[in-house]
Amino acid sequence: MRDGVTGADPGLSGKVALVTGGTRGIGLATVRRLAQAGATVVLTGRDEIVAKEVAAAVGGPVTGQQLDITDADGVAALVKGVAKEHGRLDVVVANAGIMEGAPLGMIREDAVQRMLTTNIAGTIHTVQAGGRAMMRARSGSIIVVASIVGERGGAGQSVYSASKAAVANLALSAAKELGGFGIRVNAVAPGVIDTALTAELSEKVRTDTVRNTPLGRLGSADDVAGAIRFLAGEEAAFITGQVLGVDGGLVL
């Protein structure tokens, strides 16, 4: 999809959305989808310059800010600032995460800690802060990005799989806690998506994946962004506590 905000989906007009890890891949595709739907979008990335450049390239009501989701105070301050500046916060997409693959017996401790801290603690920080910002309005939608390997596991991805299983279950528990405030919490669980995160997969793995996927292809970032857009909007007003697979049937 080209840079720029185009399209005829005004379903999020007047809404304010925050997307962590919004500078590339699924996060960037989600930023574009939400902006196309009429939302004002704040995207975040670890590098402030990159975040601002990406936001400018997307155009429209999109801004970029620096954020390290492992910094709980930083996440809280940013989310509070977004809600204060725009007078509301309607959608939070907790997308930021990392994957460092290695056999279980060989993975380094520093890689273990990075994935657990970023994928689990960082997502918790984002959901916590987003929930607090939405409580006063007693409405909102929080979407976390899990993974198919959080359900099925994956060789060489034990720690990543564990972290994404935790993310999916965070959504289920948070949905129960925040439902009384009118806040919906759901997860998407992408399959093998053709992004930079999976670019290093061998050609054999990619070919085998396509062969085992009933829809006969790898997923795209926009496939996942479309599911997130659905969960963000009023079309999903009675949907919470769900983990929506976006995997072309690979789990079947």
C-alpha atoms as a PDB file:
ATOM      1  CA  MET A   1       0.000   0.000   0.000  1.00  0.00           C
ATOM      2  CA  ARG A   2       1.324   3.455  -0.862  1.00  0.00           C
ATOM      3  CA  ASP A   3       2.109   6.139   1.657  1.00  0.00           C
ATOM      4  CA  GLY A   4      -0.668   8.615   2.163  1.00  0.00           C
ATOM      5  CA  VAL A   5      -4.191   8.459   3.596  1.00  0.00           C
ATOM      6  CA  THR A   6      -6.826   7.524   1.055  1.00  0.00           C
ATOM      7  CA  GLY A   7      -9.997   5.491   1.097  1.00  0.00           C
ATOM      8  CA  ALA A   8     -13.680   5.798   1.904  1.00  0.00           C
ATOM      9  CA  ASP A   9     -14.055   4.244   5.361  1.00  0.00           C
ATOM     10  CA  PRO A  10     -15.158   7.005   7.761  1.00  0.00           C
ATOM     11  CA  GLY A  11     -16.119   4.581  10.514  1.00  0.00           C
ATOM     12  CA  LEU A  12     -13.613   5.970  13.036  1.00  0.00           C
ATOM     13  CA  SER A  13     -14.216   9.621  12.290  1.00  0.00           C
ATOM     14  CA  GLY A  14     -13.590  11.734  15.392  1.00  0.00           C
ATOM     15  CA  LYS A  15     -11.783   8.919  17.194  1.00  0.00           C
ATOM     16  CA  VAL A  16      -8.222   9.051  18.528  1.00  0.00           C
ATOM     17  CA  ALA A  17      -5.964   6.021  18.241  1.00  0.00           C
ATOM     18  CA  LEU A  18      -2.510   5.099  19.528  1.00  0.00           C
ATOM     19  CA  VAL A  19      -0.432   2.415  17.766  1.00  0.00           C
ATOM     20  CA  THR A  20       2.809   1.250  19.355  1.00  0.00           C
ATOM     21  CA  GLY A  21       5.483  -0.078  17.032  1.00  0.00           C
ATOM     22  CA  GLY A  22       3.837   1.831  14.213  1.00  0.00           C
ATOM     23  CA  THR A  23       6.817   2.555  11.987  1.00  0.00           C
ATOM     24  CA  ARG A  24       6.817  -0.632   9.915  1.00  0.00           C
ATOM     25  CA  GLY A  25       5.095  -3.929   9.193  1.00  0.00           C
ATOM     26  CA  ILE A  26       1.785  -4.658  10.856  1.00  0.00           C
ATOM     27  CA  GLY A  27       1.986  -1.503  12.950  1.00  0.00           C
ATOM     28  CA  LEU A  28       2.407   0.783   9.946  1.00  0.00           C
ATOM     29  CA  ALA A  29      -0.336  -0.974   7.994  1.00  0.00           C
ATOM     30  CA  THR A  30      -2.598  -0.488  11.021  1.00  0.00           C
ATOM     31  CA  VAL A  31      -1.763   3.211  11.237  1.00  0.00           C
ATOM     32  CA  ARG A  32      -2.784   3.604   7.600  1.00  0.00           C
ATOM     33  CA  ARG A  33      -6.009   1.636   8.047  1.00  0.00           C
ATOM     34  CA  LEU A  34      -7.085   3.617  11.103  1.00  0.00           C
ATOM     35  CA  ALA A  35      -6.238   6.931   9.461  1.00  0.00           C
ATOM     36  CA  GLN A  36      -8.170   5.924   6.350  1.00  0.00           C
ATOM     37  CA  ALA A  37     -11.136   5.248   8.627  1.00  0.00           C
ATOM     38  CA  GLY A  38     -11.017   8.844   9.837  1.00  0.00           C
ATOM     39  CA  ALA A  39      -9.147   8.434  13.131  1.00  0.00           C
ATOM     40  CA  THR A  40      -6.498  10.778  14.426  1.00  0.00           C
ATOM     41  CA  VAL A  41      -3.535   8.462  14.928  1.00  0.00           C
ATOM     42  CA  VAL A  42      -0.432   8.698  17.088  1.00  0.00           C
ATOM     43  CA  LEU A  43       2.199   6.129  16.158  1.00  0.00           C
ATOM     44  CA  THR A  44       5.235   5.320  18.248  1.00  0.00           C
ATOM     45  CA  GLY A  45       8.663   3.891  17.622  1.00  0.00           C
ATOM     46  CA  ARG A  46      11.946   3.597  19.485  1.00  0.00           C
ATOM     47  CA  ASP A  47      13.576   6.175  17.201  1.00  0.00           C
ATOM     48  CA  GLU A  48      11.921   9.593  17.354  1.00  0.00           C
ATOM     49  CA  ILE A  49      13.237  10.748  13.987  1.00  0.00           C
ATOM     50  CA  VAL A  50      11.990   7.614  12.235  1.00  0.00           C
ATOM     51  CA  ALA A  51       8.597   7.838  13.967  1.00  0.00           C
ATOM     52  CA  LYS A  52       8.117  11.432  12.827  1.00  0.00           C
ATOM     53  CA  GLU A  53       9.306  10.692   9.290  1.00  0.00           C
ATOM     54  CA  VAL A  54       6.947   7.741   8.937  1.00  0.00           C
ATOM     55  CA  ALA A  55       4.024   9.779  10.264  1.00  0.00           C
ATOM     56  CA  ALA A  56       4.770  12.562   7.802  1.00  0.00           C
ATOM     57  CA  ALA A  57       4.923  10.038   4.942  1.00  0.00           C
ATOM     58  CA  VAL A  58       1.536   8.601   5.869  1.00  0.00           C
ATOM     59  CA  GLY A  59       0.100  12.109   6.037  1.00  0.00           C
ATOM     60  CA  GLY A  60      -3.283  13.197   7.262  1.00  0.00           C
ATOM     61  CA  PRO A  61      -4.019  13.332  10.997  1.00  0.00           C
ATOM     62  CA  VAL A  62      -1.025  11.149  11.900  1.00  0.00           C
ATOM     63  CA  THR A  63       1.823  12.083  14.248  1.00  0.00           C
ATOM     64  CA  GLY A  64       4.836  10.166  15.476  1.00  0.00           C
ATOM     65  CA  GLN A  65       6.432  10.000  18.913  1.00  0.00           C
ATOM     66  CA  GLN A  66       9.336   8.167  20.526  1.00  0.00           C
ATOM     67  CA  LEU A  67       8.449   5.424  22.987  1.00  0.00           C
ATOM     68  CA  ASP A  68      10.212   2.545  24.681  1.00  0.00           C
ATOM     69  CA  ILE A  69       7.396   0.303  25.880  1.00  0.00           C
ATOM     70  CA  THR A  70       9.666  -1.303  28.490  1.00  0.00           C
ATOM     71  CA  ASP A  71       9.650   2.032  30.347  1.00  0.00           C
ATOM     72  CA  ALA A  72       6.415   1.889  32.364  1.00  0.00           C
ATOM     73  CA  ASP A  73       6.580   5.547  33.419  1.00  0.00           C
ATOM     74  CA  GLY A  74       7.314   6.617  29.860  1.00  0.00           C
ATOM     75  CA  VAL A  75       4.344   4.682  28.520  1.00  0.00           C
ATOM     76  CA  ALA A  76       2.040   6.132  31.174  1.00  0.00           C
ATOM     77  CA  ALA A  77       3.218   9.675  30.455  1.00  0.00           C
ATOM     78  CA  LEU A  78       2.839   9.336  26.697  1.00  0.00           C
ATOM     79  CA  VAL A  79      -0.647   7.845  26.870  1.00  0.00           C
ATOM     80  CA  LYS A  80      -1.760  10.476  29.356  1.00  0.00           C
ATOM     81  CA  GLY A  81      -0.314  13.178  27.123  1.00  0.00           C
ATOM     82  CA  VAL A  82      -2.107  11.885  24.025  1.00  0.00           C
ATOM     83  CA  ALA A  83      -5.439  11.762  25.864  1.00  0.00           C
ATOM     84  CA  LYS A  84      -4.920  15.263  27.247  1.00  0.00           C
ATOM     85  CA  GLU A  85      -3.861  16.783  23.923  1.00  0.00           C
ATOM     86  CA  HIS A  86      -6.756  15.321  21.954  1.00  0.00           C
ATOM     87  CA  GLY A  87      -9.331  15.268  24.727  1.00  0.00           C
ATOM     88  CA  ARG A  88      -9.924  11.551  24.376  1.00  0.00           C
ATOM     89  CA  LEU A  89      -8.371   8.184  23.570  1.00  0.00           C
ATOM     90  CA  ASP A  90     -10.595   5.644  21.846  1.00  0.00           C
ATOM     91  CA  VAL A  91      -8.298   2.966  20.436  1.00  0.00           C
ATOM     92  CA  VAL A  92      -4.997   1.511  21.633  1.00  0.00           C
ATOM     93  CA  VAL A  93      -3.142  -1.024  19.510  1.00  0.00           C
ATOM     94  CA  ALA A  94      -0.343  -2.695  21.487  1.00  0.00           C
ATOM     95  CA  ASN A  95       1.693  -3.901  18.552  1.00  0.00           C
ATOM     96  CA  ALA A  96       5.319  -3.254  19.526  1.00  0.00           C
ATOM     97  CA  GLY A  97       7.327  -6.417  20.079  1.00  0.00           C
ATOM     98  CA  ILE A  98      10.469  -8.300  19.133  1.00  0.00           C
ATOM     99  CA  MET A  99      11.360 -11.798  17.985  1.00  0.00           C
ATOM    100  CA  GLU A 100      14.771 -13.405  18.472  1.00  0.00           C
ATOM    101  CA  GLY A 101      14.735 -17.012  17.378  1.00  0.00           C
ATOM    102  CA  ALA A 102      17.108 -19.713  18.618  1.00  0.00           C
ATOM    103  CA  PRO A 103      16.873 -23.311  19.843  1.00  0.00           C
ATOM    104  CA  LEU A 104      15.773 -23.459  23.461  1.00  0.00           C
ATOM    105  CA  GLY A 105      19.064 -24.926  24.635  1.00  0.00           C
ATOM    106  CA  MET A 106      21.087 -22.226  22.893  1.00  0.00           C
ATOM    107  CA  ILE A 107      19.196 -18.988  23.348  1.00  0.00           C
ATOM    108  CA  ARG A 108      21.150 -16.393  25.306  1.00  0.00           C
ATOM    109  CA  GLU A 109      19.840 -15.052  28.598  1.00  0.00           C
ATOM    110  CA  ASP A 110      19.948 -11.471  27.360  1.00  0.00           C
ATOM    111  CA  ALA A 111      17.687 -12.431  24.432  1.00  0.00           C
ATOM    112  CA  VAL A 112      15.288 -14.166  26.839  1.00  0.00           C
ATOM    113  CA  GLN A 113      15.067 -11.068  28.988  1.00  0.00           C
ATOM    114  CA  ARG A 114      14.620  -8.724  26.012  1.00  0.00           C
ATOM    115  CA  MET A 115      11.688 -10.705  24.662  1.00  0.00           C
ATOM    116  CA  LEU A 116       9.983 -11.160  28.012  1.00  0.00           C
ATOM    117  CA  THR A 117      10.481  -7.534  28.982  1.00  0.00           C
ATOM    118  CA  THR A 118       9.405  -6.114  25.636  1.00  0.00           C
ATOM    119  CA  ASN A 119       6.653  -8.481  24.595  1.00  0.00           C
ATOM    120  CA  ILE A 120       5.061  -9.180  27.968  1.00  0.00           C
ATOM    121  CA  ALA A 121       5.891  -6.302  30.316  1.00  0.00           C
ATOM    122  CA  GLY A 122       5.788  -3.737  27.511  1.00  0.00           C
ATOM    123  CA  THR A 123       2.353  -4.888  26.386  1.00  0.00           C
ATOM    124  CA  ILE A 124       1.129  -4.876  29.981  1.00  0.00           C
ATOM    125  CA  HIS A 125       2.341  -1.277  30.390  1.00  0.00           C
ATOM    126  CA  THR A 126       0.476  -0.273  27.237  1.00  0.00           C
ATOM    127  CA  VAL A 127      -2.767  -1.972  28.222  1.00  0.00           C
ATOM    128  CA  GLN A 128      -2.572  -0.544  31.749  1.00  0.00           C
ATOM    129  CA  ALA A 129      -2.060   3.004  30.554  1.00  0.00           C
ATOM    130  CA  GLY A 130      -4.649   2.721  27.800  1.00  0.00           C
ATOM    131  CA  GLY A 131      -7.234   1.320  30.183  1.00  0.00           C
ATOM    132  CA  ARG A 132      -6.702   4.124  32.672  1.00  0.00           C
ATOM    133  CA  ALA A 133      -7.082   6.761  29.961  1.00  0.00           C
ATOM    134  CA  MET A 134     -10.356   5.215  28.750  1.00  0.00           C
ATOM    135  CA  MET A 135     -12.005   4.673  32.116  1.00  0.00           C
ATOM    136  CA  ARG A 136     -13.381   8.189  32.498  1.00  0.00           C
ATOM    137  CA  ALA A 137     -15.143   8.009  29.124  1.00  0.00           C
ATOM    138  CA  ARG A 138     -16.247   4.456  29.946  1.00  0.00           C
ATOM    139  CA  SER A 139     -15.558   3.330  26.417  1.00  0.00           C
ATOM    140  CA  GLY A 140     -12.683   2.275  24.227  1.00  0.00           C
ATOM    141  CA  SER A 141     -11.082  -0.586  22.347  1.00  0.00           C
ATOM    142  CA  ILE A 142      -7.688  -2.107  23.115  1.00  0.00           C
ATOM    143  CA  ILE A 143      -6.167  -4.589  20.676  1.00  0.00           C
ATOM    144  CA  VAL A 144      -2.982  -6.514  21.442  1.00  0.00           C
ATOM    145  CA  VAL A 145      -0.942  -8.335  18.816  1.00  0.00           C
ATOM    146  CA  ALA A 146      -0.280 -11.960  19.745  1.00  0.00           C
ATOM    147  CA  SER A 147       0.821 -14.703  17.319  1.00  0.00           C
ATOM    148  CA  ILE A 148      -0.126 -18.108  15.984  1.00  0.00           C
ATOM    149  CA  VAL A 149       2.959 -19.528  17.730  1.00  0.00           C
ATOM    150  CA  GLY A 150       1.490 -18.435  21.055  1.00  0.00           C
ATOM    151  CA  GLU A 151      -1.173 -21.083  20.431  1.00  0.00           C
ATOM    152  CA  ARG A 152       0.739 -23.752  18.514  1.00  0.00           C
ATOM    153  CA  GLY A 153       4.366 -23.173  19.444  1.00  0.00           C
ATOM    154  CA  GLY A 154       7.238 -23.115  17.001  1.00  0.00           C
ATOM    155  CA  ALA A 155      10.611 -24.808  16.818  1.00  0.00           C
ATOM    156  CA  GLY A 156      13.348 -22.302  17.595  1.00  0.00           C
ATOM    157  CA  GLN A 157      10.758 -19.886  18.997  1.00  0.00           C
ATOM    158  CA  SER A 158      10.121 -21.201  22.499  1.00  0.00           C
ATOM    159  CA  VAL A 159      10.628 -17.919  24.316  1.00  0.00           C
ATOM    160  CA  TYR A 160       8.849 -15.857  21.670  1.00  0.00           C
ATOM    161  CA  SER A 161       5.970 -18.352  21.707  1.00  0.00           C
ATOM    162  CA  ALA A 162       5.736 -18.140  25.492  1.00  0.00           C
ATOM    163  CA  SER A 163       5.685 -14.356  25.370  1.00  0.00           C
ATOM    164  CA  LYS A 164       2.915 -14.271  22.777  1.00  0.00           C
ATOM    165  CA  ALA A 165       0.838 -16.819  24.699  1.00  0.00           C
ATOM    166  CA  ALA A 166       1.091 -14.449  27.642  1.00  0.00           C
ATOM    167  CA  VAL A 167      -0.028 -11.528  25.481  1.00  0.00           C
ATOM    168  CA  ALA A 168      -3.119 -13.410  24.298  1.00  0.00           C
ATOM    169  CA  ASN A 169      -4.067 -14.337  27.841  1.00  0.00           C
ATOM    170  CA  LEU A 170      -3.483 -10.772  28.989  1.00  0.00           C
ATOM    171  CA  ALA A 171      -6.233  -9.748  26.585  1.00  0.00           C
ATOM    172  CA  LEU A 172      -8.644 -12.291  28.064  1.00  0.00           C
ATOM    173  CA  SER A 173      -8.043 -11.199  31.652  1.00  0.00           C
ATOM    174  CA  ALA A 174      -8.038  -7.483  30.839  1.00  0.00           C
ATOM    175  CA  ALA A 175     -11.344  -7.898  29.001  1.00  0.00           C
ATOM    176  CA  LYS A 176     -12.903  -9.241  32.190  1.00  0.00           C
ATOM    177  CA  GLU A 177     -11.459  -6.450  34.310  1.00  0.00           C
ATOM    178  CA  LEU A 178     -12.217  -3.548  31.980  1.00  0.00           C
ATOM    179  CA  GLY A 179     -15.575  -4.637  30.570  1.00  0.00           C
ATOM    180  CA  GLY A 180     -17.413  -2.899  33.401  1.00  0.00           C
ATOM    181  CA  PHE A 181     -15.939   0.370  32.173  1.00  0.00           C
ATOM    182  CA  GLY A 182     -17.187  -0.199  28.638  1.00  0.00           C
ATOM    183  CA  ILE A 183     -13.666  -0.989  27.430  1.00  0.00           C
ATOM    184  CA  ARG A 184     -13.221  -3.895  25.038  1.00  0.00           C
ATOM    185  CA  VAL A 185      -9.955  -5.837  24.910  1.00  0.00           C
ATOM    186  CA  ASN A 186      -9.168  -8.285  22.133  1.00  0.00           C
ATOM    187  CA  ALA A 187      -6.130  -9.857  20.498  1.00  0.00           C
ATOM    188  CA  VAL A 188      -5.196 -10.699  16.956  1.00  0.00           C
ATOM    189  CA  ALA A 189      -2.989 -13.738  16.373  1.00  0.00           C
ATOM    190  CA  PRO A 190      -1.248 -13.420  13.008  1.00  0.00           C
ATOM    191  CA  GLY A 191       0.057 -16.455  11.201  1.00  0.00           C
ATOM    192  CA  VAL A 192       3.124 -16.203   8.994  1.00  0.00           C
ATOM    193  CA  ILE A 193       2.986 -12.646   7.705  1.00  0.00           C
ATOM    194  CA  ASP A 194       5.252 -11.408   4.934  1.00  0.00           C
ATOM    195  CA  THR A 195       7.052  -8.624   6.817  1.00  0.00           C
ATOM    196  CA  ALA A 196      10.608  -7.780   7.826  1.00  0.00           C
ATOM    197  CA  LEU A 197      10.099  -9.899  10.952  1.00  0.00           C
ATOM    198  CA  THR A 198       9.762 -13.062   8.862  1.00  0.00           C
ATOM    199  CA  ALA A 199      12.095 -12.073   6.009  1.00  0.00           C
ATOM    200  CA  GLU A 200      14.868 -14.270   7.358  1.00  0.00           C
ATOM    201  CA  LEU A 201      12.819 -17.455   7.126  1.00  0.00           C
ATOM    202  CA  SER A 202      14.326 -19.962   4.712  1.00  0.00           C
ATOM    203  CA  GLU A 203      12.723 -20.489   1.340  1.00  0.00           C
ATOM    204  CA  LYS A 204      11.826 -24.036   2.409  1.00  0.00           C
ATOM    205  CA  VAL A 205       9.983 -22.791   5.491  1.00  0.00           C
ATOM    206  CA  ARG A 206       8.084 -20.227   3.412  1.00  0.00           C
ATOM    207  CA  THR A 207       7.195 -22.818   0.775  1.00  0.00           C
ATOM    208  CA  ASP A 208       6.088 -25.365   3.388  1.00  0.00           C
ATOM    209  CA  THR A 209       4.004 -22.729   5.140  1.00  0.00           C
ATOM    210  CA  VAL A 210       2.177 -21.777   1.971  1.00  0.00           C
ATOM    211  CA  ARG A 211       1.537 -25.454   1.194  1.00  0.00           C
ATOM    212  CA  ASN A 212       0.065 -26.002   4.668  1.00  0.00           C
ATOM    213  CA  THR A 213      -2.098 -22.874   4.575  1.00  0.00           C
ATOM    214  CA  PRO A 214      -5.597 -23.531   3.181  1.00  0.00           C
ATOM    215  CA  LEU A 215      -5.714 -20.091   1.546  1.00  0.00           C
ATOM    216  CA  GLY A 216      -2.444 -20.879  -0.210  1.00  0.00           C
ATOM    217  CA  ARG A 217      -0.331 -17.830   0.575  1.00  0.00           C
ATOM    218  CA  LEU A 218       1.501 -15.950   3.274  1.00  0.00           C
ATOM    219  CA  GLY A 219      -0.412 -13.211   5.012  1.00  0.00           C
ATOM    220  CA  SER A 220       0.194  -9.516   4.464  1.00  0.00           C
ATOM    221  CA  ALA A 221       0.497  -6.770   7.031  1.00  0.00           C
ATOM    222  CA  ASP A 222      -2.701  -5.296   5.634  1.00  0.00           C
ATOM    223  CA  ASP A 223      -4.557  -8.558   6.303  1.00  0.00           C
ATOM    224  CA  VAL A 224      -3.800  -8.131   9.996  1.00  0.00           C
ATOM    225  CA  ALA A 225      -4.475  -4.393   9.923  1.00  0.00           C
ATOM    226  CA  GLY A 226      -7.932  -5.076   8.520  1.00  0.00           C
ATOM    227  CA  ALA A 227      -8.759  -7.329  11.465  1.00  0.00           C
ATOM    228  CA  ILE A 228      -7.485  -4.697  13.895  1.00  0.00           C
ATOM    229  CA  ARG A 229      -9.573  -2.024  12.156  1.00  0.00           C
ATOM    230  CA  PHE A 230     -12.645  -4.232  12.610  1.00  0.00           C
ATOM    231  CA  LEU A 231     -11.993  -4.777  16.315  1.00  0.00           C
ATOM    232  CA  ALA A 232     -11.396  -1.055  16.815  1.00  0.00           C
ATOM    233  CA  GLY A 233     -14.764   0.015  15.455  1.00  0.00           C
ATOM    234  CA  GLU A 234     -18.432  -0.093  16.310  1.00  0.00           C
ATOM    235  CA  GLU A 235     -18.868  -3.154  14.100  1.00  0.00           C
ATOM    236  CA  ALA A 236     -17.214  -5.054  16.972  1.00  0.00           C
ATOM    237  CA  ALA A 237     -19.113  -3.255  19.753  1.00  0.00           C
ATOM    238  CA  PHE A 238     -20.172  -6.528  21.428  1.00  0.00           C
ATOM    239  CA  ILE A 239     -16.898  -8.374  20.940  1.00  0.00           C
ATOM    240  CA  THR A 240     -14.384  -8.584  23.768  1.00  0.00           C
ATOM    241  CA  GLY A 241     -12.029 -11.164  25.210  1.00  0.00           C
ATOM    242  CA  GLN A 242     -11.388 -12.791  21.833  1.00  0.00           C
ATOM    243  CA  VAL A 243      -8.199 -13.937  20.120  1.00  0.00           C
ATOM    244  CA  LEU A 244      -8.826 -13.541  16.404  1.00  0.00           C
ATOM    245  CA  GLY A 245      -6.593 -15.679  14.225  1.00  0.00           C
ATOM    246  CA  VAL A 246      -5.381 -14.047  11.022  1.00  0.00           C
ATOM    247  CA  ASP A 247      -3.544 -17.018   9.573  1.00  0.00           C
ATOM    248  CA  GLY A 248      -5.205 -18.164   6.357  1.00  0.00           C
ATOM    249  CA  GLY A 249      -6.390 -21.323   8.113  1.00  0.00           C
ATOM    250  CA  LEU A 250      -2.915 -22.466   9.146  1.00  0.00           C
ATOM    251  CA  VAL A 251      -4.197 -23.508  12.581  1.00  0.00           C
ATOM    252  CA  LEU A 252      -6.756 -25.904  11.119  1.00  0.00           C
END
